[in-house]
PDB file of N, CA and C in Angstrom:
ATOM      1  N   UNK A   1      22.775  -6.672 -20.301  1.00  0.00           N
ATOM      2  CA  UNK A   1      22.879  -8.008 -19.732  1.00  0.00           C
ATOM      3  C   UNK A   1      23.287  -8.969 -20.856  1.00  0.00           C
ATOM      4  N   UNK A   2      24.357  -9.688 -20.631  1.00  0.00           N
ATOM      5  CA  UNK A   2      24.852 -10.585 -21.662  1.00  0.00           C
ATOM      6  C   UNK A   2      23.994 -11.845 -21.753  1.00  0.00           C
ATOM      7  N   UNK A   3      24.217 -12.604 -22.786  1.00  0.00           N
ATOM      8  CA  UNK A   3      23.440 -13.804 -23.029  1.00  0.00           C
ATOM      9  C   UNK A   3      23.656 -14.839 -21.916  1.00  0.00           C
ATOM     10  N   UNK A   4      24.920 -14.967 -21.448  1.00  0.00           N
ATOM     11  CA  UNK A   4      25.211 -15.941 -20.391  1.00  0.00           C
ATOM     12  C   UNK A   4      24.509 -15.554 -19.100  1.00  0.00           C
ATOM     13  N   UNK A   5      24.517 -14.254 -18.789  1.00  0.00           N
ATOM     14  CA  UNK A   5      23.834 -13.800 -17.589  1.00  0.00           C
ATOM     15  C   UNK A   5      22.331 -14.037 -17.685  1.00  0.00           C
ATOM     16  N   UNK A   6      21.770 -13.775 -18.877  1.00  0.00           N
ATOM     17  CA  UNK A   6      20.320 -13.976 -19.073  1.00  0.00           C
ATOM     18  C   UNK A   6      19.966 -15.441 -18.951  1.00  0.00           C
ATOM     19  N   UNK A   7      20.783 -16.332 -19.508  1.00  0.00           N
ATOM     20  CA  UNK A   7      20.495 -17.757 -19.394  1.00  0.00           C
ATOM     21  C   UNK A   7      20.553 -18.216 -17.925  1.00  0.00           C
ATOM     22  N   UNK A   8      21.530 -17.693 -17.181  1.00  0.00           N
ATOM     23  CA  UNK A   8      21.635 -18.020 -15.765  1.00  0.00           C
ATOM     24  C   UNK A   8      20.439 -17.518 -14.993  1.00  0.00           C
ATOM     25  N   UNK A   9      20.014 -16.306 -15.323  1.00  0.00           N
ATOM     26  CA  UNK A   9      18.847 -15.735 -14.646  1.00  0.00           C
ATOM     27  C   UNK A   9      17.601 -16.554 -14.944  1.00  0.00           C
ATOM     28  N   UNK A  10      17.391 -16.904 -16.215  1.00  0.00           N
ATOM     29  CA  UNK A  10      16.194 -17.698 -16.569  1.00  0.00           C
ATOM     30  C   UNK A  10      16.239 -19.087 -15.960  1.00  0.00           C
ATOM     31  N   UNK A  11      17.432 -19.675 -15.857  1.00  0.00           N
ATOM     32  CA  UNK A  11      17.531 -20.976 -15.202  1.00  0.00           C
ATOM     33  C   UNK A  11      17.175 -20.868 -13.735  1.00  0.00           C
ATOM     34  N   UNK A  12      17.591 -19.788 -13.098  1.00  0.00           N
ATOM     35  CA  UNK A  12      17.251 -19.571 -11.683  1.00  0.00           C
ATOM     36  C   UNK A  12      15.761 -19.360 -11.469  1.00  0.00           C
ATOM     37  N   UNK A  13      15.161 -18.616 -12.388  1.00  0.00           N
ATOM     38  CA  UNK A  13      13.715 -18.400 -12.321  1.00  0.00           C
ATOM     39  C   UNK A  13      12.951 -19.712 -12.506  1.00  0.00           C
ATOM     40  N   UNK A  14      13.410 -20.516 -13.468  1.00  0.00           N
ATOM     41  CA  UNK A  14      12.735 -21.798 -13.734  1.00  0.00           C
ATOM     42  C   UNK A  14      12.862 -22.741 -12.559  1.00  0.00           C
ATOM     43  N   UNK A  15      13.959 -22.671 -11.829  1.00  0.00           N
ATOM     44  CA  UNK A  15      14.139 -23.564 -10.687  1.00  0.00           C
ATOM     45  C   UNK A  15      13.519 -23.029  -9.415  1.00  0.00           C
ATOM     46  N   UNK A  16      13.101 -21.781  -9.423  1.00  0.00           N
ATOM     47  CA  UNK A  16      12.531 -21.197  -8.216  1.00  0.00           C
ATOM     48  C   UNK A  16      11.068 -21.649  -8.053  1.00  0.00           C
ATOM     49  N   UNK A  17      10.439 -21.102  -7.085  1.00  0.00           N
ATOM     50  CA  UNK A  17       9.031 -21.442  -6.821  1.00  0.00           C
ATOM     51  C   UNK A  17       8.080 -20.534  -7.606  1.00  0.00           C
ATOM     52  N   UNK A  18       8.576 -19.903  -8.664  1.00  0.00           N
ATOM     53  CA  UNK A  18       7.737 -19.006  -9.447  1.00  0.00           C
ATOM     54  C   UNK A  18       6.549 -19.734 -10.038  1.00  0.00           C
ATOM     55  N   UNK A  19       6.776 -20.892 -10.624  1.00  0.00           N
ATOM     56  CA  UNK A  19       5.681 -21.602 -11.280  1.00  0.00           C
ATOM     57  C   UNK A  19       4.670 -22.130 -10.267  1.00  0.00           C
ATOM     58  N   UNK A  20       5.142 -22.617  -9.148  1.00  0.00           N
ATOM     59  CA  UNK A  20       4.237 -23.074  -8.096  1.00  0.00           C
ATOM     60  C   UNK A  20       3.410 -21.927  -7.533  1.00  0.00           C
ATOM     61  N   UNK A  21       4.051 -20.795  -7.313  1.00  0.00           N
ATOM     62  CA  UNK A  21       3.328 -19.624  -6.815  1.00  0.00           C
ATOM     63  C   UNK A  21       2.302 -19.128  -7.839  1.00  0.00           C
ATOM     64  N   UNK A  22       2.696 -19.139  -9.085  1.00  0.00           N
ATOM     65  CA  UNK A  22       1.778 -18.702 -10.136  1.00  0.00           C
ATOM     66  C   UNK A  22       0.592 -19.656 -10.243  1.00  0.00           C
ATOM     67  N   UNK A  23       0.845 -20.938 -10.143  1.00  0.00           N
ATOM     68  CA  UNK A  23      -0.248 -21.926 -10.184  1.00  0.00           C
ATOM     69  C   UNK A  23      -1.176 -21.766  -9.000  1.00  0.00           C
ATOM     70  N   UNK A  24      -0.604 -21.501  -7.816  1.00  0.00           N
ATOM     71  CA  UNK A  24      -1.431 -21.296  -6.620  1.00  0.00           C
ATOM     72  C   UNK A  24      -2.278 -20.029  -6.763  1.00  0.00           C
ATOM     73  N   UNK A  25      -1.669 -18.967  -7.300  1.00  0.00           N
ATOM     74  CA  UNK A  25      -2.437 -17.721  -7.539  1.00  0.00           C
ATOM     75  C   UNK A  25      -3.583 -17.984  -8.500  1.00  0.00           C
ATOM     76  N   UNK A  26      -3.321 -18.717  -9.566  1.00  0.00           N
ATOM     77  CA  UNK A  26      -4.372 -19.016 -10.541  1.00  0.00           C
ATOM     78  C   UNK A  26      -5.498 -19.845  -9.910  1.00  0.00           C
ATOM     79  N   UNK A  27      -5.117 -20.793  -9.050  1.00  0.00           N
ATOM     80  CA  UNK A  27      -6.139 -21.601  -8.368  1.00  0.00           C
ATOM     81  C   UNK A  27      -7.004 -20.737  -7.454  1.00  0.00           C
ATOM     82  N   UNK A  28      -6.380 -19.843  -6.686  1.00  0.00           N
ATOM     83  CA  UNK A  28      -7.130 -18.954  -5.805  1.00  0.00           C
ATOM     84  C   UNK A  28      -8.052 -18.051  -6.615  1.00  0.00           C
ATOM     85  N   UNK A  29      -7.544 -17.537  -7.727  1.00  0.00           N
ATOM     86  CA  UNK A  29      -8.388 -16.676  -8.579  1.00  0.00           C
ATOM     87  C   UNK A  29      -9.553 -17.462  -9.181  1.00  0.00           C
ATOM     88  N   UNK A  30      -9.297 -18.712  -9.553  1.00  0.00           N
ATOM     89  CA  UNK A  30     -10.360 -19.545 -10.090  1.00  0.00           C
ATOM     90  C   UNK A  30     -11.440 -19.796  -9.047  1.00  0.00           C
ATOM     91  N   UNK A  31     -11.024 -20.109  -7.844  1.00  0.00           N
ATOM     92  CA  UNK A  31     -11.994 -20.391  -6.780  1.00  0.00           C
ATOM     93  C   UNK A  31     -12.777 -19.140  -6.370  1.00  0.00           C
ATOM     94  N   UNK A  32     -12.085 -18.014  -6.327  1.00  0.00           N
ATOM     95  CA  UNK A  32     -12.790 -16.765  -5.955  1.00  0.00           C
ATOM     96  C   UNK A  32     -13.693 -16.281  -7.089  1.00  0.00           C
ATOM     97  N   UNK A  33     -13.425 -16.712  -8.340  1.00  0.00           N
ATOM     98  CA  UNK A  33     -14.280 -16.317  -9.458  1.00  0.00           C
ATOM     99  C   UNK A  33     -15.647 -16.997  -9.394  1.00  0.00           C
ATOM    100  N   UNK A  34     -15.779 -18.005  -8.564  1.00  0.00           N
ATOM    101  CA  UNK A  34     -17.087 -18.664  -8.411  1.00  0.00           C
ATOM    102  C   UNK A  34     -18.099 -17.731  -7.737  1.00  0.00           C
ATOM    103  N   UNK A  35     -17.624 -16.751  -7.022  1.00  0.00           N
ATOM    104  CA  UNK A  35     -18.490 -15.761  -6.344  1.00  0.00           C
ATOM    105  C   UNK A  35     -18.649 -14.554  -7.264  1.00  0.00           C
ATOM    106  N   UNK A  36     -19.868 -14.231  -7.620  1.00  0.00           N
ATOM    107  CA  UNK A  36     -20.132 -13.160  -8.583  1.00  0.00           C
ATOM    108  C   UNK A  36     -19.578 -11.810  -8.127  1.00  0.00           C
ATOM    109  N   UNK A  37     -19.728 -11.502  -6.870  1.00  0.00           N
ATOM    110  CA  UNK A  37     -19.219 -10.222  -6.370  1.00  0.00           C
ATOM    111  C   UNK A  37     -17.704 -10.086  -6.491  1.00  0.00           C
ATOM    112  N   UNK A  38     -17.008 -11.159  -6.177  1.00  0.00           N
ATOM    113  CA  UNK A  38     -15.556 -11.143  -6.296  1.00  0.00           C
ATOM    114  C   UNK A  38     -15.139 -11.061  -7.759  1.00  0.00           C
ATOM    115  N   UNK A  39     -15.819 -11.806  -8.614  1.00  0.00           N
ATOM    116  CA  UNK A  39     -15.491 -11.874 -10.038  1.00  0.00           C
ATOM    117  C   UNK A  39     -15.622 -10.508 -10.694  1.00  0.00           C
ATOM    118  N   UNK A  40     -16.526  -9.690 -10.225  1.00  0.00           N
ATOM    119  CA  UNK A  40     -16.758  -8.382 -10.847  1.00  0.00           C
ATOM    120  C   UNK A  40     -15.947  -7.260 -10.235  1.00  0.00           C
ATOM    121  N   UNK A  41     -15.125  -7.554  -9.227  1.00  0.00           N
ATOM    122  CA  UNK A  41     -14.333  -6.507  -8.601  1.00  0.00           C
ATOM    123  C   UNK A  41     -13.131  -6.143  -9.452  1.00  0.00           C
ATOM    124  N   UNK A  42     -12.714  -4.913  -9.359  1.00  0.00           N
ATOM    125  CA  UNK A  42     -11.585  -4.415 -10.142  1.00  0.00           C
ATOM    126  C   UNK A  42     -10.276  -5.098  -9.715  1.00  0.00           C
ATOM    127  N   UNK A  43     -10.104  -5.373  -8.426  1.00  0.00           N
ATOM    128  CA  UNK A  43      -8.915  -6.037  -7.939  1.00  0.00           C
ATOM    129  C   UNK A  43      -8.809  -7.449  -8.536  1.00  0.00           C
ATOM    130  N   UNK A  44      -9.897  -8.161  -8.535  1.00  0.00           N
ATOM    131  CA  UNK A  44      -9.924  -9.529  -9.070  1.00  0.00           C
ATOM    132  C   UNK A  44      -9.569  -9.535 -10.553  1.00  0.00           C
ATOM    133  N   UNK A  45     -10.152  -8.619 -11.293  1.00  0.00           N
ATOM    134  CA  UNK A  45      -9.852  -8.551 -12.730  1.00  0.00           C
ATOM    135  C   UNK A  45      -8.397  -8.179 -12.991  1.00  0.00           C
ATOM    136  N   UNK A  46      -7.850  -7.287 -12.162  1.00  0.00           N
ATOM    137  CA  UNK A  46      -6.454  -6.910 -12.307  1.00  0.00           C
ATOM    138  C   UNK A  46      -5.540  -8.081 -12.009  1.00  0.00           C
ATOM    139  N   UNK A  47      -5.830  -8.829 -10.955  1.00  0.00           N
ATOM    140  CA  UNK A  47      -5.003  -9.981 -10.614  1.00  0.00           C
ATOM    141  C   UNK A  47      -5.086 -11.073 -11.697  1.00  0.00           C
ATOM    142  N   UNK A  48      -6.243 -11.255 -12.266  1.00  0.00           N
ATOM    143  CA  UNK A  48      -6.368 -12.214 -13.377  1.00  0.00           C
ATOM    144  C   UNK A  48      -5.545 -11.760 -14.566  1.00  0.00           C
ATOM    145  N   UNK A  49      -5.580 -10.480 -14.878  1.00  0.00           N
ATOM    146  CA  UNK A  49      -4.781  -9.952 -15.980  1.00  0.00           C
ATOM    147  C   UNK A  49      -3.277 -10.156 -15.719  1.00  0.00           C
ATOM    148  N   UNK A  50      -2.844  -9.875 -14.494  1.00  0.00           N
ATOM    149  CA  UNK A  50      -1.421 -10.045 -14.151  1.00  0.00           C
ATOM    150  C   UNK A  50      -1.015 -11.507 -14.277  1.00  0.00           C
ATOM    151  N   UNK A  51      -1.837 -12.412 -13.781  1.00  0.00           N
ATOM    152  CA  UNK A  51      -1.526 -13.845 -13.851  1.00  0.00           C
ATOM    153  C   UNK A  51      -1.434 -14.314 -15.307  1.00  0.00           C
ATOM    154  N   UNK A  52      -2.401 -13.939 -16.117  1.00  0.00           N
ATOM    155  CA  UNK A  52      -2.381 -14.350 -17.520  1.00  0.00           C
ATOM    156  C   UNK A  52      -1.221 -13.710 -18.276  1.00  0.00           C
ATOM    157  N   UNK A  53      -0.934 -12.450 -18.005  1.00  0.00           N
ATOM    158  CA  UNK A  53       0.163 -11.768 -18.690  1.00  0.00           C
ATOM    159  C   UNK A  53       1.509 -12.382 -18.310  1.00  0.00           C
ATOM    160  N   UNK A  54       1.661 -12.794 -17.064  1.00  0.00           N
ATOM    161  CA  UNK A  54       2.930 -13.399 -16.650  1.00  0.00           C
ATOM    162  C   UNK A  54       3.116 -14.782 -17.291  1.00  0.00           C
ATOM    163  N   UNK A  55       2.042 -15.534 -17.462  1.00  0.00           N
ATOM    164  CA  UNK A  55       2.130 -16.831 -18.127  1.00  0.00           C
ATOM    165  C   UNK A  55       2.562 -16.623 -19.592  1.00  0.00           C
ATOM    166  N   UNK A  56       1.979 -15.649 -20.257  1.00  0.00           N
ATOM    167  CA  UNK A  56       2.357 -15.345 -21.634  1.00  0.00           C
ATOM    168  C   UNK A  56       3.809 -14.877 -21.719  1.00  0.00           C
ATOM    169  N   UNK A  57       4.245 -14.023 -20.790  1.00  0.00           N
ATOM    170  CA  UNK A  57       5.629 -13.514 -20.801  1.00  0.00           C
ATOM    171  C   UNK A  57       6.627 -14.657 -20.606  1.00  0.00           C
ATOM    172  N   UNK A  58       6.328 -15.577 -19.709  1.00  0.00           N
ATOM    173  CA  UNK A  58       7.195 -16.724 -19.488  1.00  0.00           C
ATOM    174  C   UNK A  58       7.268 -17.597 -20.744  1.00  0.00           C
ATOM    175  N   UNK A  59       6.136 -17.798 -21.395  1.00  0.00           N
ATOM    176  CA  UNK A  59       6.091 -18.594 -22.629  1.00  0.00           C
ATOM    177  C   UNK A  59       6.912 -17.915 -23.736  1.00  0.00           C
ATOM    178  N   UNK A  60       6.764 -16.623 -23.916  1.00  0.00           N
ATOM    179  CA  UNK A  60       7.498 -15.897 -24.948  1.00  0.00           C
ATOM    180  C   UNK A  60       8.997 -15.923 -24.676  1.00  0.00           C
ATOM    181  N   UNK A  61       9.405 -15.699 -23.445  1.00  0.00           N
ATOM    182  CA  UNK A  61      10.833 -15.737 -23.090  1.00  0.00           C
ATOM    183  C   UNK A  61      11.410 -17.132 -23.341  1.00  0.00           C
ATOM    184  N   UNK A  62      10.678 -18.154 -22.955  1.00  0.00           N
ATOM    185  CA  UNK A  62      11.134 -19.527 -23.169  1.00  0.00           C
ATOM    186  C   UNK A  62      11.232 -19.874 -24.644  1.00  0.00           C
ATOM    187  N   UNK A  63      10.256 -19.421 -25.414  1.00  0.00           N
ATOM    188  CA  UNK A  63      10.288 -19.670 -26.861  1.00  0.00           C
ATOM    189  C   UNK A  63      11.461 -18.977 -27.511  1.00  0.00           C
ATOM    190  N   UNK A  64      11.707 -17.719 -27.120  1.00  0.00           N
ATOM    191  CA  UNK A  64      12.801 -16.948 -27.714  1.00  0.00           C
ATOM    192  C   UNK A  64      14.158 -17.576 -27.380  1.00  0.00           C
ATOM    193  N   UNK A  65      14.400 -17.796 -26.116  1.00  0.00           N
ATOM    194  CA  UNK A  65      15.717 -18.322 -25.713  1.00  0.00           C
ATOM    195  C   UNK A  65      15.863 -19.817 -26.049  1.00  0.00           C
ATOM    196  N   UNK A  66      14.790 -20.516 -26.212  1.00  0.00           N
ATOM    197  CA  UNK A  66      14.883 -21.911 -26.620  1.00  0.00           C
ATOM    198  C   UNK A  66      15.220 -22.075 -28.104  1.00  0.00           C
ATOM    199  N   UNK A  67      14.959 -21.049 -28.872  1.00  0.00           N
ATOM    200  CA  UNK A  67      15.223 -21.110 -30.311  1.00  0.00           C
ATOM    201  C   UNK A  67      16.517 -20.425 -30.738  1.00  0.00           C
ATOM    202  N   UNK A  68      17.316 -19.955 -29.797  1.00  0.00           N
ATOM    203  CA  UNK A  68      18.598 -19.343 -30.141  1.00  0.00           C
ATOM    204  C   UNK A  68      19.608 -20.421 -30.486  1.00  0.00           C
ATOM    205  N   UNK A  69      20.494 -20.091 -31.418  1.00  0.00           N
ATOM    206  CA  UNK A  69      21.558 -21.039 -31.768  1.00  0.00           C
ATOM    207  C   UNK A  69      22.562 -21.120 -30.625  1.00  0.00           C
ATOM    208  N   UNK A  70      23.071 -22.316 -30.349  1.00  0.00           N
ATOM    209  CA  UNK A  70      24.096 -22.446 -29.298  1.00  0.00           C
ATOM    210  C   UNK A  70      25.344 -21.651 -29.686  1.00  0.00           C
ATOM    211  N   UNK A  71      26.013 -21.142 -28.680  1.00  0.00           N
ATOM    212  CA  UNK A  71      27.217 -20.347 -28.924  1.00  0.00           C
ATOM    213  C   UNK A  71      28.382 -21.215 -29.312  1.00  0.00           C
TER     214      UNK A  71
END
C-alpha cells in the first residue's frame, strides 16, 4: 500500500464514525463495569482490552503519519 493510499485510508477512517463508536463502546463498558459480576467476566475484560488497544493503535498511527516529511 503506497503512502498516498494510506493517507487516504486514514483520512477516511478519521472522518468515519469510528471515534464515535469507540467512545460509545467505552461508555457502555464503563457503565457495565459498575456491576461486579459484569466487571469480572471474561467477555467484559476482552472488550475492555480491545477498546484500549484500538485507542493506542489509532494514537500510534496518527503519531507516525503526522511526523512524516511532506512529499
